[in-house]
Full PDB file with SEQRES, HELIX, SHEET, SSBOND, CRYST1, ORIGX, SCALE, CONECT and MASTER records, all heavy atoms in Angstrom:
SEQRES   1 A   30  LEU SER LEU ARG PRO VAL LEU GLU SER ALA GLY CYS LEU          
SEQRES   2 A   30  GLU GLN THR LEU THR GLU LYS LYS PRO SER SER ASN ALA          
SEQRES   3 A   30  VAL VAL ASP ARG                                              
HELIX    1 AA1 LEU A    3  LYS A   20  1                                  18    
CRYST1    1.000    1.000    1.000  90.00  90.00  90.00 P 1           1          
ORIGX1      1.000000  0.000000  0.000000        0.00000                         
ORIGX2      0.000000  1.000000  0.000000        0.00000                         
ORIGX3      0.000000  0.000000  1.000000        0.00000                         
SCALE1      1.000000  0.000000  0.000000        0.00000                         
SCALE2      0.000000  1.000000  0.000000        0.00000                         
SCALE3      0.000000  0.000000  1.000000        0.00000                         
ATOM      1  N   LEU A   1       0.854  -1.152   0.047  1.00  0.00           N  
ATOM      2  CA  LEU A   1      -0.004  -0.046   0.023  1.00  0.00           C  
ATOM      3  C   LEU A   1       0.904   1.280   0.037  1.00  0.00           C  
ATOM      4  O   LEU A   1       0.451   2.318  -0.619  1.00  0.00           O  
ATOM      5  CB  LEU A   1      -0.856  -0.059   1.257  1.00  0.00           C  
ATOM      6  CG  LEU A   1      -2.028  -0.970   1.180  1.00  0.00           C  
ATOM      7  CD1 LEU A   1      -2.842  -1.024   2.549  1.00  0.00           C  
ATOM      8  CD2 LEU A   1      -3.064  -0.565   0.062  1.00  0.00           C  
ATOM      9  N   SER A   2       1.961   1.255   0.650  1.00  0.00           N  
ATOM     10  CA  SER A   2       2.912   2.429   0.774  1.00  0.00           C  
ATOM     11  C   SER A   2       3.627   2.663  -0.453  1.00  0.00           C  
ATOM     12  O   SER A   2       4.025   3.743  -0.882  1.00  0.00           O  
ATOM     13  CB  SER A   2       3.793   2.269   2.005  1.00  0.00           C  
ATOM     14  OG  SER A   2       4.666   1.133   1.753  1.00  0.00           O  
ATOM     15  N   LEU A   3       3.794   1.528  -1.310  1.00  0.00           N  
ATOM     16  CA  LEU A   3       4.587   1.562  -2.508  1.00  0.00           C  
ATOM     17  C   LEU A   3       3.710   2.212  -3.688  1.00  0.00           C  
ATOM     18  O   LEU A   3       4.235   2.920  -4.509  1.00  0.00           O  
ATOM     19  CB  LEU A   3       4.947   0.194  -2.989  1.00  0.00           C  
ATOM     20  CG  LEU A   3       6.458  -0.287  -2.389  1.00  0.00           C  
ATOM     21  CD1 LEU A   3       6.624  -1.829  -2.737  1.00  0.00           C  
ATOM     22  CD2 LEU A   3       7.583   0.538  -3.166  1.00  0.00           C  
ATOM     23  N   ARG A   4       2.456   1.887  -3.617  1.00  0.00           N  
ATOM     24  CA  ARG A   4       1.576   2.235  -4.791  1.00  0.00           C  
ATOM     25  C   ARG A   4       1.653   3.796  -5.107  1.00  0.00           C  
ATOM     26  O   ARG A   4       1.981   4.109  -6.320  1.00  0.00           O  
ATOM     27  CB  ARG A   4       0.099   1.892  -4.492  1.00  0.00           C  
ATOM     28  CG  ARG A   4      -0.034   0.407  -4.580  1.00  0.00           C  
ATOM     29  CD  ARG A   4      -1.501   0.067  -4.207  1.00  0.00           C  
ATOM     30  NE  ARG A   4      -1.693  -1.360  -4.034  1.00  0.00           N  
ATOM     31  CZ  ARG A   4      -2.848  -1.950  -3.690  1.00  0.00           C  
ATOM     32  NH1 ARG A   4      -3.916  -1.108  -3.516  1.00  0.00           N  
ATOM     33  NH2 ARG A   4      -2.970  -3.191  -3.569  1.00  0.00           N  
ATOM     34  N   PRO A   5       1.523   4.760  -4.135  1.00  0.00           N  
ATOM     35  CA  PRO A   5       1.676   6.187  -4.542  1.00  0.00           C  
ATOM     36  C   PRO A   5       2.968   6.504  -5.115  1.00  0.00           C  
ATOM     37  O   PRO A   5       2.994   7.458  -5.960  1.00  0.00           O  
ATOM     38  CB  PRO A   5       1.212   6.842  -3.242  1.00  0.00           C  
ATOM     39  CG  PRO A   5       1.551   5.872  -2.111  1.00  0.00           C  
ATOM     40  CD  PRO A   5       1.197   4.566  -2.759  1.00  0.00           C  
ATOM     41  N   VAL A   6       4.023   5.931  -4.598  1.00  0.00           N  
ATOM     42  CA  VAL A   6       5.383   6.244  -5.103  1.00  0.00           C  
ATOM     43  C   VAL A   6       5.556   5.856  -6.459  1.00  0.00           C  
ATOM     44  O   VAL A   6       6.107   6.624  -7.261  1.00  0.00           O  
ATOM     45  CB  VAL A   6       6.513   5.623  -4.135  1.00  0.00           C  
ATOM     46  CG1 VAL A   6       7.910   5.924  -4.641  1.00  0.00           C  
ATOM     47  CG2 VAL A   6       6.244   6.108  -2.690  1.00  0.00           C  
ATOM     48  N   LEU A   7       5.062   4.629  -6.844  1.00  0.00           N  
ATOM     49  CA  LEU A   7       5.147   4.165  -8.219  1.00  0.00           C  
ATOM     50  C   LEU A   7       4.299   4.975  -9.085  1.00  0.00           C  
ATOM     51  O   LEU A   7       4.652   5.194 -10.241  1.00  0.00           O  
ATOM     52  CB  LEU A   7       4.647   2.702  -8.241  1.00  0.00           C  
ATOM     53  CG  LEU A   7       5.579   1.743  -7.416  1.00  0.00           C  
ATOM     54  CD1 LEU A   7       5.022   0.270  -7.531  1.00  0.00           C  
ATOM     55  CD2 LEU A   7       7.030   1.704  -7.894  1.00  0.00           C  
ATOM     56  N   GLU A   8       3.127   5.442  -8.659  1.00  0.00           N  
ATOM     57  CA  GLU A   8       2.294   6.256  -9.501  1.00  0.00           C  
ATOM     58  C   GLU A   8       2.948   7.628  -9.787  1.00  0.00           C  
ATOM     59  O   GLU A   8       2.956   8.165 -10.779  1.00  0.00           O  
ATOM     60  CB  GLU A   8       1.011   6.561  -8.722  1.00  0.00           C  
ATOM     61  CG  GLU A   8       0.070   5.346  -8.707  1.00  0.00           C  
ATOM     62  CD  GLU A   8      -1.214   5.513  -7.832  1.00  0.00           C  
ATOM     63  OE1 GLU A   8      -1.368   6.583  -7.368  1.00  0.00           O  
ATOM     64  OE2 GLU A   8      -2.036   4.512  -7.670  1.00  0.00           O  
ATOM     65  N   SER A   9       3.700   8.171  -8.715  1.00  0.00           N  
ATOM     66  CA  SER A   9       4.487   9.534  -8.868  1.00  0.00           C  
ATOM     67  C   SER A   9       5.517   9.277  -9.844  1.00  0.00           C  
ATOM     68  O   SER A   9       5.832  10.062 -10.779  1.00  0.00           O  
ATOM     69  CB  SER A   9       5.018   9.911  -7.481  1.00  0.00           C  
ATOM     70  OG  SER A   9       3.954  10.347  -6.631  1.00  0.00           O  
ATOM     71  N   ALA A  10       6.215   8.120  -9.831  1.00  0.00           N  
ATOM     72  CA  ALA A  10       7.334   7.853 -10.824  1.00  0.00           C  
ATOM     73  C   ALA A  10       6.655   7.730 -12.216  1.00  0.00           C  
ATOM     74  O   ALA A  10       7.268   8.261 -13.213  1.00  0.00           O  
ATOM     75  CB  ALA A  10       8.022   6.606 -10.424  1.00  0.00           C  
ATOM     76  N   GLY A  11       5.469   7.223 -12.305  1.00  0.00           N  
ATOM     77  CA  GLY A  11       4.880   7.104 -13.582  1.00  0.00           C  
ATOM     78  C   GLY A  11       4.500   8.396 -14.249  1.00  0.00           C  
ATOM     79  O   GLY A  11       4.688   8.658 -15.427  1.00  0.00           O  
ATOM     80  N   CYS A  12       4.123   9.393 -13.253  1.00  0.00           N  
ATOM     81  CA  CYS A  12       3.822  10.704 -13.778  1.00  0.00           C  
ATOM     82  C   CYS A  12       5.066  11.415 -14.272  1.00  0.00           C  
ATOM     83  O   CYS A  12       5.044  12.068 -15.299  1.00  0.00           O  
ATOM     84  CB  CYS A  12       3.206  11.524 -12.531  1.00  0.00           C  
ATOM     85  SG  CYS A  12       1.483  10.888 -12.134  1.00  0.00           S  
ATOM     86  N   LEU A  13       6.185  11.260 -13.536  1.00  0.00           N  
ATOM     87  CA  LEU A  13       7.405  11.753 -14.057  1.00  0.00           C  
ATOM     88  C   LEU A  13       7.860  11.246 -15.258  1.00  0.00           C  
ATOM     89  O   LEU A  13       8.451  12.019 -16.189  1.00  0.00           O  
ATOM     90  CB  LEU A  13       8.493  11.572 -12.889  1.00  0.00           C  
ATOM     91  CG  LEU A  13       8.298  12.362 -11.493  1.00  0.00           C  
ATOM     92  CD1 LEU A  13       9.391  11.956 -10.614  1.00  0.00           C  
ATOM     93  CD2 LEU A  13       8.360  13.885 -11.825  1.00  0.00           C  
ATOM     94  N   GLU A  14       7.729   9.908 -15.550  1.00  0.00           N  
ATOM     95  CA  GLU A  14       8.089   9.221 -16.683  1.00  0.00           C  
ATOM     96  C   GLU A  14       7.237   9.674 -17.864  1.00  0.00           C  
ATOM     97  O   GLU A  14       7.766  10.030 -18.929  1.00  0.00           O  
ATOM     98  CB  GLU A  14       8.025   7.716 -16.499  1.00  0.00           C  
ATOM     99  CG  GLU A  14       8.398   6.888 -17.768  1.00  0.00           C  
ATOM    100  CD  GLU A  14       9.926   6.993 -17.956  1.00  0.00           C  
ATOM    101  OE1 GLU A  14      10.716   6.961 -17.059  1.00  0.00           O  
ATOM    102  OE2 GLU A  14      10.285   7.112 -19.183  1.00  0.00           O  
ATOM    103  N   GLN A  15       5.996   9.875 -17.596  1.00  0.00           N  
ATOM    104  CA  GLN A  15       5.063  10.289 -18.667  1.00  0.00           C  
ATOM    105  C   GLN A  15       5.464  11.818 -19.042  1.00  0.00           C  
ATOM    106  O   GLN A  15       5.520  12.099 -20.303  1.00  0.00           O  
ATOM    107  CB  GLN A  15       3.607  10.339 -18.190  1.00  0.00           C  
ATOM    108  CG  GLN A  15       2.657  10.787 -19.271  1.00  0.00           C  
ATOM    109  CD  GLN A  15       1.217  10.557 -18.668  1.00  0.00           C  
ATOM    110  OE1 GLN A  15       0.923  10.140 -17.600  1.00  0.00           O  
ATOM    111  NE2 GLN A  15       0.224  10.945 -19.512  1.00  0.00           N  
ATOM    112  N   THR A  16       5.682  12.623 -18.161  1.00  0.00           N  
ATOM    113  CA  THR A  16       6.060  14.011 -18.482  1.00  0.00           C  
ATOM    114  C   THR A  16       7.381  14.047 -19.275  1.00  0.00           C  
ATOM    115  O   THR A  16       7.518  14.772 -20.239  1.00  0.00           O  
ATOM    116  CB  THR A  16       6.255  14.802 -17.188  1.00  0.00           C  
ATOM    117  OG1 THR A  16       5.147  14.833 -16.371  1.00  0.00           O  
ATOM    118  CG2 THR A  16       6.722  16.191 -17.438  1.00  0.00           C  
ATOM    119  N   LEU A  17       8.241  13.165 -19.019  1.00  0.00           N  
ATOM    120  CA  LEU A  17       9.546  13.068 -19.657  1.00  0.00           C  
ATOM    121  C   LEU A  17       9.265  12.552 -21.118  1.00  0.00           C  
ATOM    122  O   LEU A  17       9.951  13.076 -22.087  1.00  0.00           O  
ATOM    123  CB  LEU A  17      10.510  12.164 -18.958  1.00  0.00           C  
ATOM    124  CG  LEU A  17      12.005  12.147 -19.293  1.00  0.00           C  
ATOM    125  CD1 LEU A  17      12.544  13.554 -19.032  1.00  0.00           C  
ATOM    126  CD2 LEU A  17      12.746  11.061 -18.513  1.00  0.00           C  
ATOM    127  N   THR A  18       8.428  11.703 -21.217  1.00  0.00           N  
ATOM    128  CA  THR A  18       8.157  11.085 -22.611  1.00  0.00           C  
ATOM    129  C   THR A  18       7.462  12.011 -23.498  1.00  0.00           C  
ATOM    130  O   THR A  18       7.733  12.183 -24.671  1.00  0.00           O  
ATOM    131  CB  THR A  18       7.311   9.803 -22.387  1.00  0.00           C  
ATOM    132  OG1 THR A  18       7.971   8.952 -21.622  1.00  0.00           O  
ATOM    133  CG2 THR A  18       6.989   9.143 -23.851  1.00  0.00           C  
ATOM    134  N   GLU A  19       6.522  12.819 -22.964  1.00  0.00           N  
ATOM    135  CA  GLU A  19       5.763  13.887 -23.669  1.00  0.00           C  
ATOM    136  C   GLU A  19       6.644  14.891 -24.248  1.00  0.00           C  
ATOM    137  O   GLU A  19       6.440  15.578 -25.247  1.00  0.00           O  
ATOM    138  CB  GLU A  19       4.645  14.489 -22.784  1.00  0.00           C  
ATOM    139  CG  GLU A  19       3.491  13.476 -22.507  1.00  0.00           C  
ATOM    140  CD  GLU A  19       2.618  14.078 -21.409  1.00  0.00           C  
ATOM    141  OE1 GLU A  19       2.827  15.158 -20.826  1.00  0.00           O  
ATOM    142  OE2 GLU A  19       1.476  13.590 -21.238  1.00  0.00           O  
ATOM    143  N   LYS A  20       7.754  15.157 -23.553  1.00  0.00           N  
ATOM    144  CA  LYS A  20       8.692  16.261 -24.037  1.00  0.00           C  
ATOM    145  C   LYS A  20       9.561  15.830 -25.081  1.00  0.00           C  
ATOM    146  O   LYS A  20      10.294  16.671 -25.704  1.00  0.00           O  
ATOM    147  CB  LYS A  20       9.495  16.712 -22.805  1.00  0.00           C  
ATOM    148  CG  LYS A  20       8.662  17.521 -21.752  1.00  0.00           C  
ATOM    149  CD  LYS A  20       9.678  18.062 -20.712  1.00  0.00           C  
ATOM    150  CE  LYS A  20       8.814  18.957 -19.716  1.00  0.00           C  
ATOM    151  NZ  LYS A  20       9.713  19.565 -18.614  1.00  0.00           N  
ATOM    152  N   LYS A  21       9.683  14.572 -25.370  1.00  0.00           N  
ATOM    153  CA  LYS A  21      10.544  14.051 -26.454  1.00  0.00           C  
ATOM    154  C   LYS A  21      10.076  14.411 -27.780  1.00  0.00           C  
ATOM    155  O   LYS A  21       8.722  14.386 -28.094  1.00  0.00           O  
ATOM    156  CB  LYS A  21      10.670  12.475 -26.412  1.00  0.00           C  
ATOM    157  CG  LYS A  21      11.453  12.052 -25.206  1.00  0.00           C  
ATOM    158  CD  LYS A  21      11.728  10.598 -25.142  1.00  0.00           C  
ATOM    159  CE  LYS A  21      12.634  10.093 -24.083  1.00  0.00           C  
ATOM    160  NZ  LYS A  21      12.852   8.708 -24.152  1.00  0.00           N  
ATOM    161  N   PRO A  22      10.856  14.817 -28.686  1.00  0.00           N  
ATOM    162  CA  PRO A  22      10.400  15.229 -30.121  1.00  0.00           C  
ATOM    163  C   PRO A  22       9.842  13.995 -30.822  1.00  0.00           C  
ATOM    164  O   PRO A  22      10.209  12.947 -30.545  1.00  0.00           O  
ATOM    165  CB  PRO A  22      11.799  15.655 -30.792  1.00  0.00           C  
ATOM    166  CG  PRO A  22      12.778  15.047 -29.927  1.00  0.00           C  
ATOM    167  CD  PRO A  22      12.179  14.923 -28.525  1.00  0.00           C  
ATOM    168  N   SER A  23       8.875  14.249 -31.682  1.00  0.00           N  
ATOM    169  CA  SER A  23       8.233  13.253 -32.349  1.00  0.00           C  
ATOM    170  C   SER A  23       9.033  12.628 -33.507  1.00  0.00           C  
ATOM    171  O   SER A  23       8.766  11.594 -33.978  1.00  0.00           O  
ATOM    172  CB  SER A  23       6.879  13.784 -33.013  1.00  0.00           C  
ATOM    173  OG  SER A  23       7.220  14.833 -33.901  1.00  0.00           O  
ATOM    174  N   SER A  24      10.089  13.282 -33.950  1.00  0.00           N  
ATOM    175  CA  SER A  24      11.075  12.750 -35.004  1.00  0.00           C  
ATOM    176  C   SER A  24      12.460  12.850 -34.593  1.00  0.00           C  
ATOM    177  O   SER A  24      12.774  13.484 -33.561  1.00  0.00           O  
ATOM    178  CB  SER A  24      10.799  13.509 -36.291  1.00  0.00           C  
ATOM    179  OG  SER A  24      11.083  14.835 -36.171  1.00  0.00           O  
ATOM    180  N   ASN A  25      13.341  12.175 -35.250  1.00  0.00           N  
ATOM    181  CA  ASN A  25      14.773  12.110 -34.923  1.00  0.00           C  
ATOM    182  C   ASN A  25      15.360  13.583 -34.950  1.00  0.00           C  
ATOM    183  O   ASN A  25      15.167  14.204 -35.987  1.00  0.00           O  
ATOM    184  CB  ASN A  25      15.542  11.158 -35.819  1.00  0.00           C  
ATOM    185  CG  ASN A  25      15.281   9.782 -35.476  1.00  0.00           C  
ATOM    186  OD1 ASN A  25      14.785   9.444 -34.364  1.00  0.00           O  
ATOM    187  ND2 ASN A  25      15.599   8.833 -36.399  1.00  0.00           N  
ATOM    188  N   ALA A  26      16.037  13.952 -33.855  1.00  0.00           N  
ATOM    189  CA  ALA A  26      16.660  15.235 -33.768  1.00  0.00           C  
ATOM    190  C   ALA A  26      18.027  15.157 -34.560  1.00  0.00           C  
ATOM    191  O   ALA A  26      18.592  14.124 -34.727  1.00  0.00           O  
ATOM    192  CB  ALA A  26      16.817  15.644 -32.393  1.00  0.00           C  
ATOM    193  N   VAL A  27      18.427  16.238 -34.802  1.00  0.00           N  
ATOM    194  CA  VAL A  27      19.765  16.360 -35.552  1.00  0.00           C  
ATOM    195  C   VAL A  27      20.869  16.206 -34.586  1.00  0.00           C  
ATOM    196  O   VAL A  27      20.828  16.985 -33.467  1.00  0.00           O  
ATOM    197  CB  VAL A  27      19.861  17.740 -36.392  1.00  0.00           C  
ATOM    198  CG1 VAL A  27      21.309  17.846 -36.941  1.00  0.00           C  
ATOM    199  CG2 VAL A  27      18.758  17.826 -37.418  1.00  0.00           C  
ATOM    200  N   VAL A  28      21.939  15.491 -34.836  1.00  0.00           N  
ATOM    201  CA  VAL A  28      22.925  15.362 -33.864  1.00  0.00           C  
ATOM    202  C   VAL A  28      23.987  16.530 -33.982  1.00  0.00           C  
ATOM    203  O   VAL A  28      24.454  16.855 -35.127  1.00  0.00           O  
ATOM    204  CB  VAL A  28      23.802  14.026 -34.234  1.00  0.00           C  
ATOM    205  CG1 VAL A  28      25.081  13.955 -33.259  1.00  0.00           C  
ATOM    206  CG2 VAL A  28      22.862  12.935 -33.927  1.00  0.00           C  
ATOM    207  N   ASP A  29      24.210  17.179 -32.945  1.00  0.00           N  
ATOM    208  CA  ASP A  29      25.164  18.302 -32.851  1.00  0.00           C  
ATOM    209  C   ASP A  29      26.544  17.770 -32.491  1.00  0.00           C  
ATOM    210  O   ASP A  29      26.954  17.571 -31.362  1.00  0.00           O  
ATOM    211  CB  ASP A  29      24.732  19.354 -31.808  1.00  0.00           C  
ATOM    212  CG  ASP A  29      25.615  20.550 -31.849  1.00  0.00           C  
ATOM    213  OD1 ASP A  29      26.759  20.563 -32.404  1.00  0.00           O  
ATOM    214  OD2 ASP A  29      25.169  21.670 -31.297  1.00  0.00           O  
ATOM    215  N   ARG A  30      27.356  17.451 -33.608  1.00  0.00           N  
ATOM    216  CA  ARG A  30      28.636  16.755 -33.391  1.00  0.00           C  
ATOM    217  C   ARG A  30      29.533  17.490 -32.480  1.00  0.00           C  
ATOM    218  O   ARG A  30      30.312  16.979 -31.758  1.00  0.00           O  
ATOM    219  CB  ARG A  30      29.238  16.405 -34.703  1.00  0.00           C  
ATOM    220  CG  ARG A  30      28.458  15.321 -35.532  1.00  0.00           C  
ATOM    221  CD  ARG A  30      29.099  15.213 -36.950  1.00  0.00           C  
ATOM    222  NE  ARG A  30      30.469  15.008 -36.904  1.00  0.00           N  
ATOM    223  CZ  ARG A  30      31.096  13.705 -36.817  1.00  0.00           C  
ATOM    224  NH1 ARG A  30      30.185  12.655 -36.729  1.00  0.00           N  
ATOM    225  NH2 ARG A  30      32.336  13.617 -36.809  1.00  0.00           N  
TER     226      ARG A  30                                                      
MASTER        0    0    0    1    0    0    0    6  225    1    0    3          
END                                                                             
């Protein structure tokens, strides 16, 4: 029971991180 909210919070952080990723391949700045 104590783990569930922590895992949900991690899921929210992961989702936010995923949403910020560009939809196509970015150009590599060598």
